[in-house]
Amino acid sequence: ASPGGSTANLFSYLFKGDLALNITLTAINSVIAALTLPLIVNFAIQHFINDGQQINLQFSKILQVFAIIIVPVCIGMLIRHYAPHFTEKLNKSLRIFAVLFLISIIIGAIVSERQNITEYLAQVGIATALFCMFSLCIGYFLPRLFGINSAQARACAFEIGIHNSTLAMTIALTVMANSTVAMPAAVYSIFMYIFAALFGMFLNKIAPHPAPIAT
């Protein structure tokens, strides 16, 4: 039920996806989630739990997610517009920083759940791993079947494969007050970074030169 996460933009940046498309999709998904997320979660509660509980996603949360996405992008666009040569010099350094940042996210996700990770993996590991792999593959290969270029298909893959697991866990732990419901999101948050990185490297091998993006 959770929308695409802003980390998907990082993967597009690292693995030559259409970054502008990825950011646009994440921003749109974050807004649409204000309506779709409560509907999907309430349907799931009625189907699987049926305890009469209802979920209302606070508008402030959507604004927060939107701001996290839009503000850095606007700053980056302004710098690139007014100092294009400076941004070109920073490109290599930023990619190195992005890789290190991504590795720290993966390590942090594993360390934060180290006490419960064995139990979590045993219960929902296979389901979340398959969900992540299928999401990435469908997100890339389905657009390619419809003639979408590789860069845009990569953006779609990361947008579909990388979810806002933090939002999912927040709703489970605070709104629903149910740590069991948060378990799949916690496990998925570990798998999605590892699988997305491996998938990105796989794409670089099978399609090392994505089609140029029109400007």
N, C-alpha and C. Protein backbone atom coordinates (compact mmCIF):
# COMPACT_ATOMS: atom_id res chain seq x y z
N ALA A 1 0.82 -1.21 0.00
CA ALA A 1 0.00 0.00 0.00
C ALA A 1 0.85 1.26 0.00
N SER A 2 2.07 1.16 0.48
CA SER A 2 2.92 2.36 0.58
C SER A 2 3.41 2.79 -0.80
N PRO A 3 3.55 4.10 -1.02
CA PRO A 3 4.00 4.60 -2.32
C PRO A 3 5.49 4.37 -2.54
N GLY A 4 5.95 4.73 -3.71
CA GLY A 4 7.38 4.63 -4.00
C GLY A 4 8.18 5.54 -3.09
N GLY A 5 9.36 5.07 -2.70
CA GLY A 5 10.19 5.86 -1.78
C GLY A 5 11.13 6.78 -2.52
N SER A 6 11.54 7.84 -1.83
CA SER A 6 12.45 8.80 -2.46
C SER A 6 13.83 8.21 -2.74
N THR A 7 14.17 7.09 -2.07
CA THR A 7 15.45 6.44 -2.33
C THR A 7 15.52 5.90 -3.75
N ALA A 8 14.36 5.69 -4.37
CA ALA A 8 14.34 5.24 -5.76
C ALA A 8 15.07 6.23 -6.66
N ASN A 9 15.00 7.51 -6.31
CA ASN A 9 15.70 8.53 -7.10
C ASN A 9 17.21 8.34 -7.04
N LEU A 10 17.70 7.90 -5.89
CA LEU A 10 19.13 7.64 -5.73
C LEU A 10 19.57 6.51 -6.64
N PHE A 11 18.76 5.45 -6.72
CA PHE A 11 19.12 4.33 -7.59
C PHE A 11 19.10 4.74 -9.06
N SER A 12 18.14 5.58 -9.44
CA SER A 12 18.11 6.08 -10.82
C SER A 12 19.36 6.89 -11.13
N TYR A 13 19.80 7.67 -10.16
CA TYR A 13 21.00 8.48 -10.33
C TYR A 13 22.23 7.59 -10.50
N LEU A 14 22.31 6.54 -9.70
CA LEU A 14 23.47 5.65 -9.72
C LEU A 14 23.51 4.77 -10.96
N PHE A 15 22.33 4.30 -11.40
CA PHE A 15 22.27 3.30 -12.46
C PHE A 15 21.67 3.85 -13.75
N LYS A 16 21.87 5.15 -13.98
CA LYS A 16 21.57 5.78 -15.28
C LYS A 16 20.11 5.68 -15.69
N GLY A 17 19.22 5.83 -14.72
CA GLY A 17 17.80 5.91 -15.04
C GLY A 17 17.41 7.34 -15.36
N ASP A 18 16.19 7.52 -15.82
CA ASP A 18 15.67 8.86 -16.11
C ASP A 18 15.31 9.49 -14.77
N LEU A 19 16.24 10.26 -14.21
CA LEU A 19 16.07 10.81 -12.86
C LEU A 19 14.87 11.75 -12.78
N ALA A 20 14.68 12.57 -13.82
CA ALA A 20 13.55 13.50 -13.80
C ALA A 20 12.22 12.75 -13.76
N LEU A 21 12.12 11.67 -14.53
CA LEU A 21 10.91 10.84 -14.52
C LEU A 21 10.71 10.20 -13.16
N ASN A 22 11.79 9.69 -12.58
CA ASN A 22 11.72 9.03 -11.28
C ASN A 22 11.22 10.00 -10.20
N ILE A 23 11.77 11.21 -10.18
CA ILE A 23 11.37 12.20 -9.20
C ILE A 23 9.91 12.58 -9.39
N THR A 24 9.50 12.73 -10.64
CA THR A 24 8.11 13.07 -10.94
C THR A 24 7.16 11.98 -10.46
N LEU A 25 7.51 10.72 -10.74
CA LEU A 25 6.67 9.59 -10.31
C LEU A 25 6.57 9.53 -8.80
N THR A 26 7.69 9.73 -8.11
CA THR A 26 7.69 9.69 -6.64
C THR A 26 6.82 10.80 -6.07
N ALA A 27 6.93 11.99 -6.64
CA ALA A 27 6.14 13.12 -6.16
C ALA A 27 4.65 12.87 -6.37
N ILE A 28 4.28 12.39 -7.57
CA ILE A 28 2.88 12.11 -7.87
C ILE A 28 2.34 11.00 -6.98
N ASN A 29 3.14 9.93 -6.82
CA ASN A 29 2.72 8.82 -5.97
C ASN A 29 2.49 9.25 -4.53
N SER A 30 3.33 10.16 -4.04
CA SER A 30 3.21 10.62 -2.66
C SER A 30 1.89 11.38 -2.45
N VAL A 31 1.48 12.12 -3.47
CA VAL A 31 0.22 12.86 -3.38
C VAL A 31 -0.97 11.91 -3.50
N ILE A 32 -0.91 11.01 -4.49
CA ILE A 32 -2.00 10.06 -4.70
C ILE A 32 -2.18 9.15 -3.49
N ALA A 33 -1.07 8.85 -2.79
CA ALA A 33 -1.13 7.96 -1.62
C ALA A 33 -2.03 8.50 -0.52
N ALA A 34 -2.23 9.83 -0.50
CA ALA A 34 -3.12 10.41 0.51
C ALA A 34 -4.52 9.84 0.39
N LEU A 35 -4.90 9.44 -0.82
CA LEU A 35 -6.22 8.86 -1.05
C LEU A 35 -6.19 7.33 -1.12
N THR A 36 -5.19 6.81 -1.83
CA THR A 36 -5.17 5.36 -2.07
C THR A 36 -4.71 4.55 -0.88
N LEU A 37 -3.74 5.08 -0.13
CA LEU A 37 -3.19 4.30 0.99
C LEU A 37 -4.25 3.96 2.04
N PRO A 38 -5.04 4.95 2.51
CA PRO A 38 -6.09 4.60 3.49
C PRO A 38 -7.10 3.60 2.94
N LEU A 39 -7.45 3.73 1.65
CA LEU A 39 -8.42 2.81 1.06
C LEU A 39 -7.88 1.38 1.04
N ILE A 40 -6.63 1.23 0.59
CA ILE A 40 -6.03 -0.11 0.49
C ILE A 40 -5.84 -0.72 1.87
N VAL A 41 -5.33 0.10 2.82
CA VAL A 41 -5.08 -0.41 4.17
C VAL A 41 -6.39 -0.79 4.85
N ASN A 42 -7.42 0.03 4.72
CA ASN A 42 -8.71 -0.27 5.32
C ASN A 42 -9.32 -1.53 4.73
N PHE A 43 -9.17 -1.70 3.42
CA PHE A 43 -9.65 -2.93 2.78
C PHE A 43 -8.91 -4.15 3.33
N ALA A 44 -7.59 -4.02 3.48
CA ALA A 44 -6.79 -5.13 4.00
C ALA A 44 -7.18 -5.47 5.45
N ILE A 45 -7.44 -4.42 6.25
CA ILE A 45 -7.84 -4.64 7.64
C ILE A 45 -9.16 -5.40 7.70
N GLN A 46 -10.11 -4.97 6.88
CA GLN A 46 -11.41 -5.64 6.88
C GLN A 46 -11.30 -7.08 6.40
N HIS A 47 -10.40 -7.32 5.43
CA HIS A 47 -10.28 -8.66 4.87
C HIS A 47 -9.50 -9.61 5.78
N PHE A 48 -8.39 -9.11 6.35
CA PHE A 48 -7.49 -9.99 7.11
C PHE A 48 -7.70 -9.93 8.62
N ILE A 49 -8.13 -8.77 9.12
CA ILE A 49 -8.25 -8.61 10.58
C ILE A 49 -9.70 -8.47 11.01
N ASN A 50 -10.44 -7.61 10.30
CA ASN A 50 -11.87 -7.41 10.55
C ASN A 50 -12.17 -7.03 12.00
N ASP A 51 -11.46 -5.99 12.50
CA ASP A 51 -11.70 -5.54 13.86
C ASP A 51 -12.37 -4.16 13.91
N GLY A 52 -12.80 -3.69 12.74
CA GLY A 52 -13.50 -2.41 12.70
C GLY A 52 -12.61 -1.20 12.74
N GLN A 53 -11.29 -1.37 12.75
CA GLN A 53 -10.37 -0.24 12.81
C GLN A 53 -10.31 0.47 11.46
N GLN A 54 -10.19 1.80 11.50
CA GLN A 54 -10.10 2.60 10.28
C GLN A 54 -8.82 3.43 10.31
N ILE A 55 -8.22 3.64 9.12
CA ILE A 55 -6.98 4.39 9.01
C ILE A 55 -7.24 5.72 8.30
N ASN A 56 -6.80 6.79 8.88
CA ASN A 56 -6.84 8.10 8.25
C ASN A 56 -5.43 8.66 8.19
N LEU A 57 -4.90 8.81 6.97
CA LEU A 57 -3.53 9.30 6.81
C LEU A 57 -3.53 10.83 6.92
N GLN A 58 -2.75 11.35 7.85
CA GLN A 58 -2.71 12.79 8.07
C GLN A 58 -2.10 13.51 6.87
N PHE A 59 -2.74 14.63 6.52
CA PHE A 59 -2.27 15.41 5.38
C PHE A 59 -0.86 15.94 5.63
N SER A 60 -0.53 16.20 6.89
CA SER A 60 0.81 16.71 7.22
C SER A 60 1.89 15.70 6.85
N LYS A 61 1.58 14.41 6.94
CA LYS A 61 2.54 13.38 6.57
C LYS A 61 2.84 13.43 5.07
N ILE A 62 1.78 13.63 4.28
CA ILE A 62 1.96 13.72 2.84
C ILE A 62 2.79 14.95 2.49
N LEU A 63 2.52 16.07 3.16
CA LEU A 63 3.30 17.27 2.92
C LEU A 63 4.77 17.05 3.28
N GLN A 64 5.00 16.29 4.33
CA GLN A 64 6.37 16.01 4.77
C GLN A 64 7.10 15.19 3.71
N VAL A 65 6.46 14.15 3.22
CA VAL A 65 7.08 13.32 2.18
C VAL A 65 7.32 14.15 0.92
N PHE A 66 6.33 14.97 0.56
CA PHE A 66 6.44 15.80 -0.64
C PHE A 66 7.61 16.77 -0.51
N ALA A 67 7.76 17.36 0.68
CA ALA A 67 8.83 18.32 0.91
C ALA A 67 10.20 17.65 0.83
N ILE A 68 10.29 16.44 1.36
CA ILE A 68 11.56 15.70 1.32
C ILE A 68 12.00 15.47 -0.12
N ILE A 69 11.03 15.30 -1.01
CA ILE A 69 11.34 15.04 -2.41
C ILE A 69 11.61 16.34 -3.17
N ILE A 70 10.70 17.30 -3.01
CA ILE A 70 10.72 18.50 -3.85
C ILE A 70 11.83 19.47 -3.47
N VAL A 71 12.03 19.72 -2.16
CA VAL A 71 13.00 20.74 -1.74
C VAL A 71 14.41 20.45 -2.25
N PRO A 72 14.96 19.24 -2.04
CA PRO A 72 16.31 18.98 -2.56
C PRO A 72 16.38 19.10 -4.08
N VAL A 73 15.32 18.66 -4.76
CA VAL A 73 15.30 18.73 -6.23
C VAL A 73 15.35 20.19 -6.69
N CYS A 74 14.56 21.05 -6.06
CA CYS A 74 14.54 22.47 -6.42
C CYS A 74 15.91 23.11 -6.19
N ILE A 75 16.55 22.76 -5.08
CA ILE A 75 17.88 23.30 -4.80
C ILE A 75 18.88 22.84 -5.86
N GLY A 76 18.80 21.55 -6.21
CA GLY A 76 19.70 21.01 -7.24
C GLY A 76 19.47 21.65 -8.60
N MET A 77 18.20 21.90 -8.96
CA MET A 77 17.89 22.53 -10.24
C MET A 77 18.42 23.96 -10.29
N LEU A 78 18.30 24.68 -9.18
CA LEU A 78 18.79 26.06 -9.14
C LEU A 78 20.31 26.11 -9.29
N ILE A 79 21.00 25.20 -8.58
CA ILE A 79 22.46 25.18 -8.66
C ILE A 79 22.90 24.81 -10.08
N ARG A 80 22.23 23.82 -10.65
CA ARG A 80 22.61 23.40 -12.01
C ARG A 80 22.33 24.50 -13.03
N HIS A 81 21.26 25.27 -12.81
CA HIS A 81 20.90 26.34 -13.75
C HIS A 81 21.90 27.50 -13.68
N TYR A 82 22.27 27.88 -12.47
CA TYR A 82 23.12 29.06 -12.30
C TYR A 82 24.61 28.73 -12.26
N ALA A 83 24.94 27.46 -12.03
CA ALA A 83 26.36 27.08 -11.98
C ALA A 83 26.56 25.71 -12.63
N PRO A 84 26.29 25.61 -13.94
CA PRO A 84 26.36 24.30 -14.62
C PRO A 84 27.76 23.69 -14.59
N HIS A 85 28.81 24.50 -14.72
CA HIS A 85 30.17 23.96 -14.71
C HIS A 85 30.52 23.39 -13.33
N PHE A 86 30.02 24.03 -12.31
CA PHE A 86 30.26 23.56 -10.94
C PHE A 86 29.61 22.20 -10.71
N THR A 87 28.38 22.02 -11.22
CA THR A 87 27.69 20.75 -11.04
C THR A 87 28.36 19.63 -11.82
N GLU A 88 28.93 19.94 -13.00
CA GLU A 88 29.63 18.93 -13.77
C GLU A 88 30.87 18.44 -13.03
N LYS A 89 31.57 19.36 -12.35
CA LYS A 89 32.74 18.98 -11.57
C LYS A 89 32.37 18.10 -10.38
N LEU A 90 31.18 18.32 -9.84
CA LEU A 90 30.74 17.57 -8.66
C LEU A 90 30.16 16.20 -9.01
N ASN A 91 29.90 15.95 -10.30
CA ASN A 91 29.16 14.75 -10.68
C ASN A 91 29.82 13.47 -10.19
N LYS A 92 31.14 13.32 -10.42
CA LYS A 92 31.84 12.10 -10.00
C LYS A 92 31.84 11.96 -8.48
N SER A 93 32.11 13.07 -7.78
CA SER A 93 32.14 13.04 -6.32
C SER A 93 30.77 12.67 -5.74
N LEU A 94 29.72 13.19 -6.37
CA LEU A 94 28.37 12.90 -5.89
C LEU A 94 28.01 11.43 -6.08
N ARG A 95 28.46 10.85 -7.17
CA ARG A 95 28.19 9.43 -7.40
C ARG A 95 28.89 8.57 -6.34
N ILE A 96 30.13 8.92 -6.01
CA ILE A 96 30.85 8.18 -4.97
C ILE A 96 30.13 8.34 -3.64
N PHE A 97 29.71 9.57 -3.33
CA PHE A 97 28.97 9.81 -2.09
C PHE A 97 27.67 9.03 -2.08
N ALA A 98 26.98 8.97 -3.23
CA ALA A 98 25.71 8.26 -3.30
C ALA A 98 25.89 6.77 -3.02
N VAL A 99 26.98 6.19 -3.55
CA VAL A 99 27.27 4.77 -3.31
C VAL A 99 27.53 4.53 -1.82
N LEU A 100 28.35 5.36 -1.22
CA LEU A 100 28.65 5.23 0.22
C LEU A 100 27.39 5.41 1.06
N PHE A 101 26.56 6.38 0.66
CA PHE A 101 25.32 6.63 1.38
C PHE A 101 24.39 5.42 1.29
N LEU A 102 24.33 4.81 0.10
CA LEU A 102 23.49 3.64 -0.11
C LEU A 102 23.96 2.47 0.74
N ILE A 103 25.27 2.25 0.79
CA ILE A 103 25.83 1.17 1.61
C ILE A 103 25.50 1.40 3.08
N SER A 104 25.58 2.65 3.52
CA SER A 104 25.27 2.96 4.92
C SER A 104 23.81 2.70 5.24
N ILE A 105 22.91 2.95 4.25
CA ILE A 105 21.49 2.68 4.44
C ILE A 105 21.26 1.18 4.63
N ILE A 106 21.91 0.37 3.78
CA ILE A 106 21.75 -1.08 3.87
C ILE A 106 22.25 -1.59 5.22
N ILE A 107 23.45 -1.15 5.61
CA ILE A 107 24.02 -1.58 6.89
C ILE A 107 23.13 -1.12 8.05
N GLY A 108 22.65 0.12 7.97
CA GLY A 108 21.79 0.65 9.03
C GLY A 108 20.50 -0.13 9.17
N ALA A 109 19.91 -0.51 8.03
CA ALA A 109 18.67 -1.28 8.07
C ALA A 109 18.87 -2.64 8.71
N ILE A 110 20.02 -3.28 8.41
CA ILE A 110 20.31 -4.60 8.98
C ILE A 110 20.61 -4.49 10.47
N VAL A 111 21.42 -3.50 10.85
CA VAL A 111 21.79 -3.32 12.26
C VAL A 111 20.58 -2.98 13.12
N SER A 112 19.69 -2.12 12.60
CA SER A 112 18.53 -1.70 13.39
C SER A 112 17.57 -2.85 13.68
N GLU A 113 17.59 -3.88 12.81
CA GLU A 113 16.68 -5.01 13.00
C GLU A 113 17.44 -6.30 13.36
N ARG A 114 18.67 -6.15 13.83
CA ARG A 114 19.52 -7.33 14.03
C ARG A 114 18.95 -8.31 15.06
N GLN A 115 18.25 -7.81 16.08
CA GLN A 115 17.74 -8.68 17.14
C GLN A 115 16.56 -9.53 16.66
N ASN A 116 15.80 -9.00 15.70
CA ASN A 116 14.60 -9.71 15.26
C ASN A 116 14.70 -10.23 13.83
N ILE A 117 15.84 -10.00 13.20
CA ILE A 117 15.93 -10.29 11.78
C ILE A 117 15.72 -11.76 11.45
N THR A 118 16.21 -12.65 12.30
CA THR A 118 16.06 -14.09 12.05
C THR A 118 14.59 -14.49 12.06
N GLU A 119 13.87 -14.01 13.07
CA GLU A 119 12.44 -14.32 13.17
C GLU A 119 11.67 -13.72 12.00
N TYR A 120 11.99 -12.47 11.65
CA TYR A 120 11.31 -11.80 10.55
C TYR A 120 11.52 -12.54 9.23
N LEU A 121 12.77 -12.91 8.98
CA LEU A 121 13.10 -13.60 7.73
C LEU A 121 12.38 -14.94 7.63
N ALA A 122 12.28 -15.64 8.75
CA ALA A 122 11.62 -16.94 8.75
C ALA A 122 10.14 -16.82 8.41
N GLN A 123 9.52 -15.73 8.86
CA GLN A 123 8.07 -15.59 8.68
C GLN A 123 7.68 -14.98 7.33
N VAL A 124 8.38 -13.94 6.93
CA VAL A 124 7.95 -13.24 5.71
C VAL A 124 9.09 -13.03 4.72
N GLY A 125 10.23 -13.65 4.95
CA GLY A 125 11.39 -13.44 4.10
C GLY A 125 11.16 -13.81 2.65
N ILE A 126 10.64 -15.01 2.41
CA ILE A 126 10.43 -15.48 1.04
C ILE A 126 9.42 -14.60 0.31
N ALA A 127 8.32 -14.28 0.98
CA ALA A 127 7.25 -13.47 0.37
C ALA A 127 7.76 -12.09 -0.02
N THR A 128 8.49 -11.43 0.90
CA THR A 128 8.97 -10.08 0.61
C THR A 128 10.08 -10.09 -0.45
N ALA A 129 10.92 -11.13 -0.43
CA ALA A 129 11.99 -11.22 -1.43
C ALA A 129 11.40 -11.39 -2.82
N LEU A 130 10.42 -12.28 -2.96
CA LEU A 130 9.78 -12.50 -4.25
C LEU A 130 9.05 -11.25 -4.71
N PHE A 131 8.36 -10.58 -3.78
CA PHE A 131 7.63 -9.36 -4.11
C PHE A 131 8.58 -8.30 -4.65
N CYS A 132 9.73 -8.16 -4.01
CA CYS A 132 10.71 -7.17 -4.43
C CYS A 132 11.28 -7.51 -5.80
N MET A 133 11.64 -8.76 -6.02
CA MET A 133 12.23 -9.16 -7.29
C MET A 133 11.24 -9.02 -8.44
N PHE A 134 10.00 -9.47 -8.20
CA PHE A 134 8.97 -9.36 -9.24
C PHE A 134 8.67 -7.90 -9.55
N SER A 135 8.65 -7.05 -8.52
CA SER A 135 8.37 -5.63 -8.72
C SER A 135 9.42 -4.98 -9.61
N LEU A 136 10.70 -5.26 -9.32
CA LEU A 136 11.79 -4.70 -10.12
C LEU A 136 11.75 -5.20 -11.56
N CYS A 137 11.52 -6.50 -11.73
CA CYS A 137 11.51 -7.09 -13.07
C CYS A 137 10.33 -6.58 -13.90
N ILE A 138 9.14 -6.57 -13.29
CA ILE A 138 7.96 -6.07 -14.00
C ILE A 138 8.12 -4.59 -14.32
N GLY A 139 8.66 -3.84 -13.35
CA GLY A 139 8.85 -2.41 -13.55
C GLY A 139 9.77 -2.08 -14.70
N TYR A 140 10.72 -2.96 -15.00
CA TYR A 140 11.66 -2.69 -16.10
C TYR A 140 11.21 -3.33 -17.41
N PHE A 141 10.93 -4.63 -17.38
CA PHE A 141 10.71 -5.35 -18.63
C PHE A 141 9.34 -5.07 -19.26
N LEU A 142 8.32 -4.77 -18.48
CA LEU A 142 7.02 -4.45 -19.06
C LEU A 142 7.08 -3.14 -19.87
N PRO A 143 7.66 -2.05 -19.34
CA PRO A 143 7.81 -0.86 -20.17
C PRO A 143 8.65 -1.10 -21.42
N ARG A 144 9.68 -1.95 -21.30
CA ARG A 144 10.52 -2.25 -22.47
C ARG A 144 9.70 -2.94 -23.57
N LEU A 145 8.74 -3.79 -23.17
CA LEU A 145 7.90 -4.46 -24.15
C LEU A 145 7.04 -3.46 -24.93
N PHE A 146 6.74 -2.32 -24.30
CA PHE A 146 5.94 -1.28 -24.94
C PHE A 146 6.81 -0.21 -25.60
N GLY A 147 8.10 -0.50 -25.75
CA GLY A 147 8.98 0.39 -26.49
C GLY A 147 9.56 1.54 -25.69
N ILE A 148 9.40 1.53 -24.37
CA ILE A 148 9.97 2.58 -23.53
C ILE A 148 11.49 2.39 -23.48
N ASN A 149 12.24 3.49 -23.56
CA ASN A 149 13.70 3.34 -23.58
C ASN A 149 14.23 2.86 -22.23
N SER A 150 15.46 2.40 -22.25
CA SER A 150 16.05 1.75 -21.07
C SER A 150 16.11 2.68 -19.86
N ALA A 151 16.47 3.95 -20.08
CA ALA A 151 16.59 4.88 -18.96
C ALA A 151 15.25 5.10 -18.26
N GLN A 152 14.18 5.24 -19.03
CA GLN A 152 12.86 5.45 -18.45
C GLN A 152 12.35 4.16 -17.81
N ALA A 153 12.68 3.02 -18.41
CA ALA A 153 12.27 1.74 -17.83
C ALA A 153 12.97 1.50 -16.50
N ARG A 154 14.22 1.92 -16.38
CA ARG A 154 14.95 1.81 -15.12
C ARG A 154 14.28 2.65 -14.05
N ALA A 155 13.86 3.85 -14.42
CA ALA A 155 13.16 4.72 -13.47
C ALA A 155 11.88 4.06 -12.98
N CYS A 156 11.15 3.43 -13.90
CA CYS A 156 9.91 2.73 -13.52
C CYS A 156 10.21 1.55 -12.58
N ALA A 157 11.27 0.82 -12.90
CA ALA A 157 11.63 -0.33 -12.08
C ALA A 157 11.95 0.07 -10.65
N PHE A 158 12.76 1.10 -10.49
CA PHE A 158 13.13 1.53 -9.14
C PHE A 158 11.96 2.17 -8.41
N GLU A 159 11.08 2.85 -9.15
CA GLU A 159 9.91 3.45 -8.52
C GLU A 159 8.96 2.38 -7.99
N ILE A 160 8.83 1.29 -8.73
CA ILE A 160 7.94 0.21 -8.32
C ILE A 160 8.59 -0.68 -7.27
N GLY A 161 9.91 -0.89 -7.39
CA GLY A 161 10.60 -1.80 -6.48
C GLY A 161 10.97 -1.19 -5.14
N ILE A 162 11.18 0.14 -5.10
CA ILE A 162 11.57 0.81 -3.87
C ILE A 162 10.34 1.48 -3.26
N HIS A 163 9.92 1.01 -2.10
CA HIS A 163 8.74 1.55 -1.44
C HIS A 163 9.13 2.39 -0.22
N ASN A 164 8.21 3.24 0.19
CA ASN A 164 8.41 4.05 1.39
C ASN A 164 8.10 3.18 2.61
N SER A 165 9.04 2.30 2.94
CA SER A 165 8.82 1.36 4.05
C SER A 165 8.75 2.09 5.39
N THR A 166 9.40 3.25 5.47
CA THR A 166 9.32 4.03 6.71
C THR A 166 7.89 4.47 6.98
N LEU A 167 7.19 4.89 5.93
CA LEU A 167 5.79 5.28 6.07
C LEU A 167 4.94 4.09 6.48
N ALA A 168 5.20 2.94 5.86
CA ALA A 168 4.45 1.73 6.19
C ALA A 168 4.65 1.34 7.66
N MET A 169 5.90 1.37 8.11
CA MET A 169 6.17 1.01 9.51
C MET A 169 5.60 2.04 10.49
N THR A 170 5.62 3.31 10.09
CA THR A 170 5.06 4.36 10.95
C THR A 170 3.57 4.15 11.16
N ILE A 171 2.85 3.85 10.07
CA ILE A 171 1.41 3.61 10.17
C ILE A 171 1.13 2.38 11.03
N ALA A 172 1.93 1.33 10.82
CA ALA A 172 1.72 0.09 11.58
C ALA A 172 1.98 0.28 13.07
N LEU A 173 3.05 1.00 13.40
CA LEU A 173 3.47 1.12 14.80
C LEU A 173 2.73 2.22 15.55
N THR A 174 2.36 3.31 14.88
CA THR A 174 1.73 4.43 15.58
C THR A 174 0.22 4.46 15.40
N VAL A 175 -0.23 4.39 14.14
CA VAL A 175 -1.67 4.47 13.89
C VAL A 175 -2.37 3.18 14.28
N MET A 176 -1.81 2.05 13.84
CA MET A 176 -2.42 0.75 14.14
C MET A 176 -1.92 0.14 15.43
N ALA A 177 -0.78 0.63 15.95
CA ALA A 177 -0.19 0.11 17.18
C ALA A 177 -0.03 -1.41 17.11
N ASN A 178 0.52 -1.88 16.00
CA ASN A 178 0.64 -3.31 15.76
C ASN A 178 2.01 -3.60 15.16
N SER A 179 2.92 -4.12 15.98
CA SER A 179 4.28 -4.39 15.51
C SER A 179 4.33 -5.54 14.51
N THR A 180 3.36 -6.45 14.58
CA THR A 180 3.33 -7.58 13.65
C THR A 180 3.08 -7.09 12.23
N VAL A 181 2.21 -6.10 12.08
CA VAL A 181 1.91 -5.55 10.76
C VAL A 181 3.12 -4.83 10.19
N ALA A 182 3.99 -4.32 11.05
CA ALA A 182 5.18 -3.61 10.60
C ALA A 182 6.28 -4.56 10.11
N MET A 183 6.14 -5.85 10.43
CA MET A 183 7.19 -6.82 10.13
C MET A 183 7.53 -6.92 8.64
N PRO A 184 6.54 -7.07 7.74
CA PRO A 184 6.89 -7.17 6.31
C PRO A 184 7.62 -5.94 5.79
N ALA A 185 7.21 -4.75 6.25
CA ALA A 185 7.88 -3.53 5.80
C ALA A 185 9.32 -3.48 6.28
N ALA A 186 9.56 -3.94 7.50
CA ALA A 186 10.92 -3.96 8.04
C ALA A 186 11.82 -4.88 7.23
N VAL A 187 11.30 -6.06 6.89
CA VAL A 187 12.09 -7.01 6.09
C VAL A 187 12.27 -6.49 4.67
N TYR A 188 11.21 -5.92 4.10
CA TYR A 188 11.29 -5.40 2.74
C TYR A 188 12.31 -4.28 2.65
N SER A 189 12.41 -3.47 3.70
CA SER A 189 13.35 -2.34 3.70
C SER A 189 14.79 -2.83 3.60
N ILE A 190 15.04 -4.04 4.08
CA ILE A 190 16.38 -4.63 3.97
C ILE A 190 16.60 -5.19 2.56
N PHE A 191 15.62 -5.96 2.08
CA PHE A 191 15.76 -6.60 0.78
C PHE A 191 15.82 -5.59 -0.37
N MET A 192 14.98 -4.54 -0.29
CA MET A 192 14.83 -3.68 -1.47
C MET A 192 16.13 -2.97 -1.84
N TYR A 193 16.93 -2.57 -0.86
CA TYR A 193 18.18 -1.89 -1.17
C TYR A 193 19.19 -2.85 -1.79
N ILE A 194 19.27 -4.05 -1.24
CA ILE A 194 20.21 -5.04 -1.76
C ILE A 194 19.81 -5.48 -3.16
N PHE A 195 18.53 -5.84 -3.33
CA PHE A 195 18.06 -6.34 -4.62
C PHE A 195 18.09 -5.24 -5.69
N ALA A 196 17.73 -4.02 -5.30
CA ALA A 196 17.73 -2.92 -6.27
C ALA A 196 19.16 -2.64 -6.76
N ALA A 197 20.14 -2.71 -5.84
CA ALA A 197 21.53 -2.50 -6.23
C ALA A 197 22.00 -3.61 -7.18
N LEU A 198 21.66 -4.86 -6.85
CA LEU A 198 22.03 -5.98 -7.72
C LEU A 198 21.33 -5.88 -9.06
N PHE A 199 20.05 -5.46 -9.03
CA PHE A 199 19.28 -5.33 -10.27
C PHE A 199 19.87 -4.23 -11.14
N GLY A 200 20.28 -3.13 -10.51
CA GLY A 200 20.89 -2.04 -11.26
C GLY A 200 22.17 -2.49 -11.94
N MET A 201 23.00 -3.25 -11.23
CA MET A 201 24.25 -3.76 -11.82
C MET A 201 23.95 -4.74 -12.95
N PHE A 202 22.89 -5.54 -12.76
CA PHE A 202 22.46 -6.48 -13.81
C PHE A 202 22.04 -5.72 -15.07
N LEU A 203 21.29 -4.62 -14.89
CA LEU A 203 20.85 -3.83 -16.04
C LEU A 203 22.04 -3.19 -16.75
N ASN A 204 23.04 -2.79 -16.01
CA ASN A 204 24.22 -2.19 -16.63
C ASN A 204 24.97 -3.19 -17.50
N LYS A 205 24.80 -4.47 -17.19
CA LYS A 205 25.44 -5.51 -17.99
C LYS A 205 24.65 -5.84 -19.25
N ILE A 206 23.32 -5.92 -19.11
CA ILE A 206 22.51 -6.30 -20.26
C ILE A 206 22.17 -5.11 -21.15
N ALA A 207 22.18 -3.90 -20.58
CA ALA A 207 21.89 -2.69 -21.34
C ALA A 207 22.81 -1.59 -20.85
N PRO A 208 24.12 -1.67 -21.16
CA PRO A 208 25.10 -0.74 -20.59
C PRO A 208 24.97 0.70 -21.07
N HIS A 209 24.28 0.92 -22.20
CA HIS A 209 24.19 2.28 -22.73
C HIS A 209 22.73 2.63 -22.96
N PRO A 210 22.03 3.14 -21.92
CA PRO A 210 20.62 3.50 -22.09
C PRO A 210 20.46 4.56 -23.18
N ALA A 211 19.29 4.52 -23.80
CA ALA A 211 19.00 5.49 -24.87
C ALA A 211 19.05 6.90 -24.31
N PRO A 212 19.58 7.87 -25.06
CA PRO A 212 19.67 9.24 -24.55
C PRO A 212 18.30 9.83 -24.30
N ILE A 213 18.22 10.69 -23.27
CA ILE A 213 16.97 11.31 -22.88
C ILE A 213 16.87 12.67 -23.54
N ALA A 214 15.75 12.96 -24.17
CA ALA A 214 15.55 14.24 -24.84
C ALA A 214 15.50 15.35 -23.80
N THR A 215 16.12 16.49 -24.13
CA THR A 215 16.10 17.63 -23.23
C THR A 215 15.45 18.83 -23.92
